[in-house]
Amino acid sequence: MANNVYKKIELVGTSPNSFTEATANAISRAAQTIRNMTWFEVVEQRGAIADGEVREYQVTVRVGFRVE
């Protein structure tokens, strides 16, 4: 078994539509510059309100990736 080392980072994804989309947006954007991502965990969900309506969904996620 290999002695892998992993690093965790914290990201905040946003979406005008849903928490799920906000999570996918964070992972998708991170994948453009981070290799070897293997897992994520949702740490926090919140949103922005304007004029009495939900305007934005925000999700804080921790992403783990293997260090090369």
PDB file of N, CA and C in Angstrom:
ATOM      1  N   MET A   1       0.841  -1.176   0.000  1.00  0.00           N
ATOM      2  CA  MET A   1       0.000   0.000   0.000  1.00  0.00           C
ATOM      3  C   MET A   1       0.891   1.246   0.000  1.00  0.00           C
ATOM      4  N   ALA A   2       0.530   2.205  -0.814  1.00  0.00           N
ATOM      5  CA  ALA A   2       1.311   3.433  -0.925  1.00  0.00           C
ATOM      6  C   ALA A   2       1.107   4.320   0.302  1.00  0.00           C
ATOM      7  N   ASN A   3       2.109   5.101   0.611  1.00  0.00           N
ATOM      8  CA  ASN A   3       2.024   6.059   1.707  1.00  0.00           C
ATOM      9  C   ASN A   3       1.638   7.424   1.145  1.00  0.00           C
ATOM     10  N   ASN A   4       0.393   7.565   0.745  1.00  0.00           N
ATOM     11  CA  ASN A   4      -0.082   8.814   0.161  1.00  0.00           C
ATOM     12  C   ASN A   4      -0.226   9.893   1.214  1.00  0.00           C
ATOM     13  N   VAL A   5      -0.084  11.127   0.776  1.00  0.00           N
ATOM     14  CA  VAL A   5      -0.309  12.297   1.626  1.00  0.00           C
ATOM     15  C   VAL A   5      -1.382  13.131   0.952  1.00  0.00           C
ATOM     16  N   TYR A   6      -2.301  13.652   1.751  1.00  0.00           N
ATOM     17  CA  TYR A   6      -3.410  14.431   1.225  1.00  0.00           C
ATOM     18  C   TYR A   6      -3.419  15.828   1.832  1.00  0.00           C
ATOM     19  N   LYS A   7      -3.962  16.758   1.079  1.00  0.00           N
ATOM     20  CA  LYS A   7      -4.129  18.126   1.552  1.00  0.00           C
ATOM     21  C   LYS A   7      -5.605  18.474   1.465  1.00  0.00           C
ATOM     22  N   LYS A   8      -6.084  19.288   2.409  1.00  0.00           N
ATOM     23  CA  LYS A   8      -7.465  19.759   2.408  1.00  0.00           C
ATOM     24  C   LYS A   8      -7.472  21.261   2.177  1.00  0.00           C
ATOM     25  N   ILE A   9      -8.396  21.707   1.331  1.00  0.00           N
ATOM     26  CA  ILE A   9      -8.617  23.139   1.158  1.00  0.00           C
ATOM     27  C   ILE A   9     -10.099  23.422   1.363  1.00  0.00           C
ATOM     28  N   GLU A  10     -10.405  24.660   1.645  1.00  0.00           N
ATOM     29  CA  GLU A  10     -11.794  25.056   1.846  1.00  0.00           C
ATOM     30  C   GLU A  10     -12.183  26.026   0.749  1.00  0.00           C
ATOM     31  N   LEU A  11     -13.335  25.784   0.133  1.00  0.00           N
ATOM     32  CA  LEU A  11     -13.842  26.595  -0.965  1.00  0.00           C
ATOM     33  C   LEU A  11     -15.265  27.028  -0.668  1.00  0.00           C
ATOM     34  N   VAL A  12     -15.680  28.137  -1.266  1.00  0.00           N
ATOM     35  CA  VAL A  12     -17.077  28.567  -1.197  1.00  0.00           C
ATOM     36  C   VAL A  12     -17.594  28.659  -2.624  1.00  0.00           C
ATOM     37  N   GLY A  13     -18.597  27.837  -2.917  1.00  0.00           N
ATOM     38  CA  GLY A  13     -19.241  27.873  -4.227  1.00  0.00           C
ATOM     39  C   GLY A  13     -20.556  28.613  -4.125  1.00  0.00           C
ATOM     40  N   THR A  14     -20.955  29.242  -5.227  1.00  0.00           N
ATOM     41  CA  THR A  14     -22.214  29.987  -5.244  1.00  0.00           C
ATOM     42  C   THR A  14     -23.044  29.599  -6.460  1.00  0.00           C
ATOM     43  N   SER A  15     -24.338  29.844  -6.350  1.00  0.00           N
ATOM     44  CA  SER A  15     -25.259  29.576  -7.450  1.00  0.00           C
ATOM     45  C   SER A  15     -26.536  30.376  -7.219  1.00  0.00           C
ATOM     46  N   PRO A  16     -27.162  30.836  -8.281  1.00  0.00           N
ATOM     47  CA  PRO A  16     -28.465  31.485  -8.124  1.00  0.00           C
ATOM     48  C   PRO A  16     -29.598  30.470  -8.018  1.00  0.00           C
ATOM     49  N   ASN A  17     -29.286  29.159  -8.217  1.00  0.00           N
ATOM     50  CA  ASN A  17     -30.337  28.151  -8.328  1.00  0.00           C
ATOM     51  C   ASN A  17     -30.477  27.175  -7.166  1.00  0.00           C
ATOM     52  N   SER A  18     -29.341  26.665  -6.625  1.00  0.00           N
ATOM     53  CA  SER A  18     -29.464  25.623  -5.596  1.00  0.00           C
ATOM     54  C   SER A  18     -28.146  25.404  -4.870  1.00  0.00           C
ATOM     55  N   PHE A  19     -28.252  24.746  -3.698  1.00  0.00           N
ATOM     56  CA  PHE A  19     -27.058  24.348  -2.955  1.00  0.00           C
ATOM     57  C   PHE A  19     -26.269  23.297  -3.751  1.00  0.00           C
ATOM     58  N   THR A  20     -26.972  22.404  -4.398  1.00  0.00           N
ATOM     59  CA  THR A  20     -26.318  21.368  -5.194  1.00  0.00           C
ATOM     60  C   THR A  20     -25.484  21.981  -6.307  1.00  0.00           C
ATOM     61  N   GLU A  21     -26.048  22.942  -6.996  1.00  0.00           N
ATOM     62  CA  GLU A  21     -25.314  23.604  -8.078  1.00  0.00           C
ATOM     63  C   GLU A  21     -24.135  24.412  -7.533  1.00  0.00           C
ATOM     64  N   ALA A  22     -24.299  25.019  -6.386  1.00  0.00           N
ATOM     65  CA  ALA A  22     -23.203  25.763  -5.762  1.00  0.00           C
ATOM     66  C   ALA A  22     -22.037  24.834  -5.441  1.00  0.00           C
ATOM     67  N   THR A  23     -22.349  23.623  -4.950  1.00  0.00           N
ATOM     68  CA  THR A  23     -21.322  22.636  -4.668  1.00  0.00           C
ATOM     69  C   THR A  23     -20.612  22.218  -5.952  1.00  0.00           C
ATOM     70  N   ALA A  24     -21.383  21.918  -6.976  1.00  0.00           N
ATOM     71  CA  ALA A  24     -20.802  21.506  -8.260  1.00  0.00           C
ATOM     72  C   ALA A  24     -19.949  22.622  -8.858  1.00  0.00           C
ATOM     73  N   ASN A  25     -20.372  23.864  -8.710  1.00  0.00           N
ATOM     74  CA  ASN A  25     -19.598  24.990  -9.233  1.00  0.00           C
ATOM     75  C   ASN A  25     -18.244  25.102  -8.539  1.00  0.00           C
ATOM     76  N   ALA A  26     -18.213  24.911  -7.239  1.00  0.00           N
ATOM     77  CA  ALA A  26     -16.952  24.983  -6.496  1.00  0.00           C
ATOM     78  C   ALA A  26     -16.001  23.880  -6.944  1.00  0.00           C
ATOM     79  N   ILE A  27     -16.500  22.658  -7.064  1.00  0.00           N
ATOM     80  CA  ILE A  27     -15.663  21.519  -7.463  1.00  0.00           C
ATOM     81  C   ILE A  27     -15.181  21.687  -8.901  1.00  0.00           C
ATOM     82  N   SER A  28     -16.080  22.090  -9.773  1.00  0.00           N
ATOM     83  CA  SER A  28     -15.740  22.257 -11.179  1.00  0.00           C
ATOM     84  C   SER A  28     -14.661  23.313 -11.379  1.00  0.00           C
ATOM     85  N   ARG A  29     -14.804  24.417 -10.689  1.00  0.00           N
ATOM     86  CA  ARG A  29     -13.810  25.497 -10.824  1.00  0.00           C
ATOM     87  C   ARG A  29     -12.465  25.068 -10.248  1.00  0.00           C
ATOM     88  N   ALA A  30     -12.472  24.398  -9.104  1.00  0.00           N
ATOM     89  CA  ALA A  30     -11.226  23.931  -8.495  1.00  0.00           C
ATOM     90  C   ALA A  30     -10.516  22.926  -9.397  1.00  0.00           C
ATOM     91  N   ALA A  31     -11.278  22.112 -10.108  1.00  0.00           N
ATOM     92  CA  ALA A  31     -10.697  21.085 -10.979  1.00  0.00           C
ATOM     93  C   ALA A  31      -9.887  21.695 -12.127  1.00  0.00           C
ATOM     94  N   GLN A  32     -10.085  22.962 -12.390  1.00  0.00           N
ATOM     95  CA  GLN A  32      -9.322  23.624 -13.456  1.00  0.00           C
ATOM     96  C   GLN A  32      -7.855  23.824 -13.062  1.00  0.00           C
ATOM     97  N   THR A  33      -7.569  23.863 -11.769  1.00  0.00           N
ATOM     98  CA  THR A  33      -6.195  24.118 -11.326  1.00  0.00           C
ATOM     99  C   THR A  33      -5.654  23.103 -10.315  1.00  0.00           C
ATOM    100  N   ILE A  34      -6.508  22.252  -9.770  1.00  0.00           N
ATOM    101  CA  ILE A  34      -6.067  21.294  -8.747  1.00  0.00           C
ATOM    102  C   ILE A  34      -6.220  19.877  -9.279  1.00  0.00           C
ATOM    103  N   ARG A  35      -5.149  19.117  -9.214  1.00  0.00           N
ATOM    104  CA  ARG A  35      -5.176  17.728  -9.671  1.00  0.00           C
ATOM    105  C   ARG A  35      -5.401  16.791  -8.482  1.00  0.00           C
ATOM    106  N   ASN A  36      -5.827  15.598  -8.796  1.00  0.00           N
ATOM    107  CA  ASN A  36      -5.928  14.501  -7.825  1.00  0.00           C
ATOM    108  C   ASN A  36      -6.960  14.727  -6.721  1.00  0.00           C
ATOM    109  N   MET A  37      -8.005  15.502  -7.005  1.00  0.00           N
ATOM    110  CA  MET A  37      -9.067  15.654  -6.001  1.00  0.00           C
ATOM    111  C   MET A  37      -9.774  14.313  -5.850  1.00  0.00           C
ATOM    112  N   THR A  38     -10.031  13.916  -4.598  1.00  0.00           N
ATOM    113  CA  THR A  38     -10.626  12.606  -4.365  1.00  0.00           C
ATOM    114  C   THR A  38     -11.893  12.628  -3.514  1.00  0.00           C
ATOM    115  N   TRP A  39     -12.141  13.698  -2.759  1.00  0.00           N
ATOM    116  CA  TRP A  39     -13.335  13.727  -1.918  1.00  0.00           C
ATOM    117  C   TRP A  39     -13.688  15.173  -1.563  1.00  0.00           C
ATOM    118  N   PHE A  40     -14.921  15.357  -1.100  1.00  0.00           N
ATOM    119  CA  PHE A  40     -15.331  16.657  -0.572  1.00  0.00           C
ATOM    120  C   PHE A  40     -16.324  16.437   0.553  1.00  0.00           C
ATOM    121  N   GLU A  41     -16.443  17.428   1.411  1.00  0.00           N
ATOM    122  CA  GLU A  41     -17.469  17.417   2.450  1.00  0.00           C
ATOM    123  C   GLU A  41     -18.078  18.804   2.539  1.00  0.00           C
ATOM    124  N   VAL A  42     -19.399  18.854   2.655  1.00  0.00           N
ATOM    125  CA  VAL A  42     -20.091  20.131   2.808  1.00  0.00           C
ATOM    126  C   VAL A  42     -19.987  20.533   4.271  1.00  0.00           C
ATOM    127  N   VAL A  43     -19.446  21.719   4.507  1.00  0.00           N
ATOM    128  CA  VAL A  43     -19.216  22.205   5.861  1.00  0.00           C
ATOM    129  C   VAL A  43     -20.329  23.156   6.290  1.00  0.00           C
ATOM    130  N   GLU A  44     -20.815  23.956   5.358  1.00  0.00           N
ATOM    131  CA  GLU A  44     -21.797  24.989   5.708  1.00  0.00           C
ATOM    132  C   GLU A  44     -22.647  25.327   4.489  1.00  0.00           C
ATOM    133  N   GLN A  45     -23.907  25.620   4.736  1.00  0.00           N
ATOM    134  CA  GLN A  45     -24.801  26.118   3.687  1.00  0.00           C
ATOM    135  C   GLN A  45     -25.409  27.415   4.179  1.00  0.00           C
ATOM    136  N   ARG A  46     -25.478  28.396   3.300  1.00  0.00           N
ATOM    137  CA  ARG A  46     -26.102  29.666   3.636  1.00  0.00           C
ATOM    138  C   ARG A  46     -26.543  30.308   2.331  1.00  0.00           C
ATOM    139  N   GLY A  47     -27.186  31.446   2.425  1.00  0.00           N
ATOM    140  CA  GLY A  47     -27.636  32.116   1.214  1.00  0.00           C
ATOM    141  C   GLY A  47     -27.753  33.606   1.407  1.00  0.00           C
ATOM    142  N   ALA A  48     -27.990  34.272   0.299  1.00  0.00           N
ATOM    143  CA  ALA A  48     -28.173  35.723   0.306  1.00  0.00           C
ATOM    144  C   ALA A  48     -29.633  36.024  -0.018  1.00  0.00           C
ATOM    145  N   ILE A  49     -30.162  37.024   0.669  1.00  0.00           N
ATOM    146  CA  ILE A  49     -31.552  37.422   0.484  1.00  0.00           C
ATOM    147  C   ILE A  49     -31.580  38.875   0.003  1.00  0.00           C
ATOM    148  N   ALA A  50     -32.427  39.149  -0.972  1.00  0.00           N
ATOM    149  CA  ALA A  50     -32.641  40.522  -1.444  1.00  0.00           C
ATOM    150  C   ALA A  50     -34.122  40.693  -1.756  1.00  0.00           C
ATOM    151  N   ASP A  51     -34.680  41.766  -1.277  1.00  0.00           N
ATOM    152  CA  ASP A  51     -36.102  42.059  -1.501  1.00  0.00           C
ATOM    153  C   ASP A  51     -37.004  40.911  -1.073  1.00  0.00           C
ATOM    154  N   GLY A  52     -36.634  40.239   0.025  1.00  0.00           N
ATOM    155  CA  GLY A  52     -37.465  39.173   0.567  1.00  0.00           C
ATOM    156  C   GLY A  52     -37.401  37.865  -0.196  1.00  0.00           C
ATOM    157  N   GLU A  53     -36.444  37.736  -1.126  1.00  0.00           N
ATOM    158  CA  GLU A  53     -36.317  36.508  -1.910  1.00  0.00           C
ATOM    159  C   GLU A  53     -34.884  35.983  -1.858  1.00  0.00           C
ATOM    160  N   VAL A  54     -34.768  34.670  -1.999  1.00  0.00           N
ATOM    161  CA  VAL A  54     -33.434  34.073  -2.070  1.00  0.00           C
ATOM    162  C   VAL A  54     -32.792  34.491  -3.389  1.00  0.00           C
ATOM    163  N   ARG A  55     -31.609  35.067  -3.283  1.00  0.00           N
ATOM    164  CA  ARG A  55     -30.892  35.539  -4.481  1.00  0.00           C
ATOM    165  C   ARG A  55     -29.679  34.673  -4.813  1.00  0.00           C
ATOM    166  N   GLU A  56     -29.104  34.033  -3.794  1.00  0.00           N
ATOM    167  CA  GLU A  56     -27.903  33.245  -4.047  1.00  0.00           C
ATOM    168  C   GLU A  56     -27.769  32.163  -2.985  1.00  0.00           C
ATOM    169  N   TYR A  57     -27.373  30.992  -3.418  1.00  0.00           N
ATOM    170  CA  TYR A  57     -27.054  29.885  -2.530  1.00  0.00           C
ATOM    171  C   TYR A  57     -25.538  29.816  -2.405  1.00  0.00           C
ATOM    172  N   GLN A  58     -25.059  29.610  -1.190  1.00  0.00           N
ATOM    173  CA  GLN A  58     -23.622  29.548  -0.935  1.00  0.00           C
ATOM    174  C   GLN A  58     -23.322  28.279  -0.138  1.00  0.00           C
ATOM    175  N   VAL A  59     -22.276  27.577  -0.550  1.00  0.00           N
ATOM    176  CA  VAL A  59     -21.887  26.340   0.113  1.00  0.00           C
ATOM    177  C   VAL A  59     -20.388  26.367   0.376  1.00  0.00           C
ATOM    178  N   THR A  60     -20.006  26.106   1.620  1.00  0.00           N
ATOM    179  CA  THR A  60     -18.594  25.947   1.946  1.00  0.00           C
ATOM    180  C   THR A  60     -18.292  24.458   1.916  1.00  0.00           C
ATOM    181  N   VAL A  61     -17.289  24.086   1.133  1.00  0.00           N
ATOM    182  CA  VAL A  61     -16.892  22.688   1.025  1.00  0.00           C
ATOM    183  C   VAL A  61     -15.398  22.548   1.318  1.00  0.00           C
ATOM    184  N   ARG A  62     -15.047  21.434   1.932  1.00  0.00           N
ATOM    185  CA  ARG A  62     -13.640  21.065   2.077  1.00  0.00           C
ATOM    186  C   ARG A  62     -13.354  20.011   1.019  1.00  0.00           C
ATOM    187  N   VAL A  63     -12.284  20.219   0.302  1.00  0.00           N
ATOM    188  CA  VAL A  63     -11.905  19.312  -0.773  1.00  0.00           C
ATOM    189  C   VAL A  63     -10.554  18.699  -0.437  1.00  0.00           C
ATOM    190  N   GLY A  64     -10.459  17.397  -0.580  1.00  0.00           N
ATOM    191  CA  GLY A  64      -9.203  16.708  -0.337  1.00  0.00           C
ATOM    192  C   GLY A  64      -8.574  16.257  -1.642  1.00  0.00           C
ATOM    193  N   PHE A  65      -7.254  16.411  -1.727  1.00  0.00           N
ATOM    194  CA  PHE A  65      -6.558  15.933  -2.911  1.00  0.00           C
ATOM    195  C   PHE A  65      -5.214  15.347  -2.524  1.00  0.00           C
ATOM    196  N   ARG A  66      -4.764  14.384  -3.331  1.00  0.00           N
ATOM    197  CA  ARG A  66      -3.500  13.710  -3.072  1.00  0.00           C
ATOM    198  C   ARG A  66      -2.346  14.579  -3.520  1.00  0.00           C
ATOM    199  N   VAL A  67      -1.364  14.746  -2.653  1.00  0.00           N
ATOM    200  CA  VAL A  67      -0.165  15.519  -2.967  1.00  0.00           C
ATOM    201  C   VAL A  67       0.746  14.650  -3.819  1.00  0.00           C
ATOM    202  N   GLU A  68       1.241  15.212  -4.908  1.00  0.00           N
ATOM    203  CA  GLU A  68       2.135  14.461  -5.806  1.00  0.00           C
ATOM    204  C   GLU A  68       3.537  14.392  -5.247  1.00  0.00           C
TER     205      GLU A  68
END
